[in-house]
Protein backbone atom coordinates (compact mmCIF):
# COMPACT_ATOMS: atom_id res chain seq x y z
CA MET A 1 -34.16 118.53 91.46
CA SER A 2 -37.48 116.72 91.21
CA ARG A 3 -38.08 118.58 87.96
CA THR A 4 -34.98 117.02 86.39
CA ALA A 5 -35.65 113.60 87.93
CA LYS A 6 -39.16 113.55 86.49
CA PRO A 7 -38.18 113.93 82.80
CA GLN A 8 -35.11 111.75 83.27
CA ASN A 9 -37.22 108.85 84.55
CA GLY A 10 -39.79 109.20 81.78
CA ARG A 11 -37.11 109.53 79.12
CA ARG A 12 -35.27 106.49 80.42
CA ARG A 13 -38.47 104.44 80.44
CA PHE A 14 -39.30 105.54 76.90
CA LEU A 15 -35.82 104.65 75.68
CA ARG A 16 -36.05 101.23 77.29
CA ASP A 17 -39.45 100.65 75.68
CA VAL A 18 -38.09 101.60 72.25
CA VAL A 19 -35.09 99.31 72.66
CA ARG A 20 -37.35 96.46 73.76
CA THR A 21 -39.57 96.92 70.71
CA ALA A 22 -36.58 97.13 68.37
CA GLY A 23 -35.06 93.98 69.92
CA GLY A 24 -38.35 92.08 69.58
CA LEU A 25 -38.69 93.15 65.94
CA ALA A 26 -35.05 92.36 65.17
């Protein structure tokens, strides 16, 4: 369970960071 929660959290954070950068650039 923790194994799936670990990547999920990191992936979600990365996605949010990418969206934030794209929004700032746009």
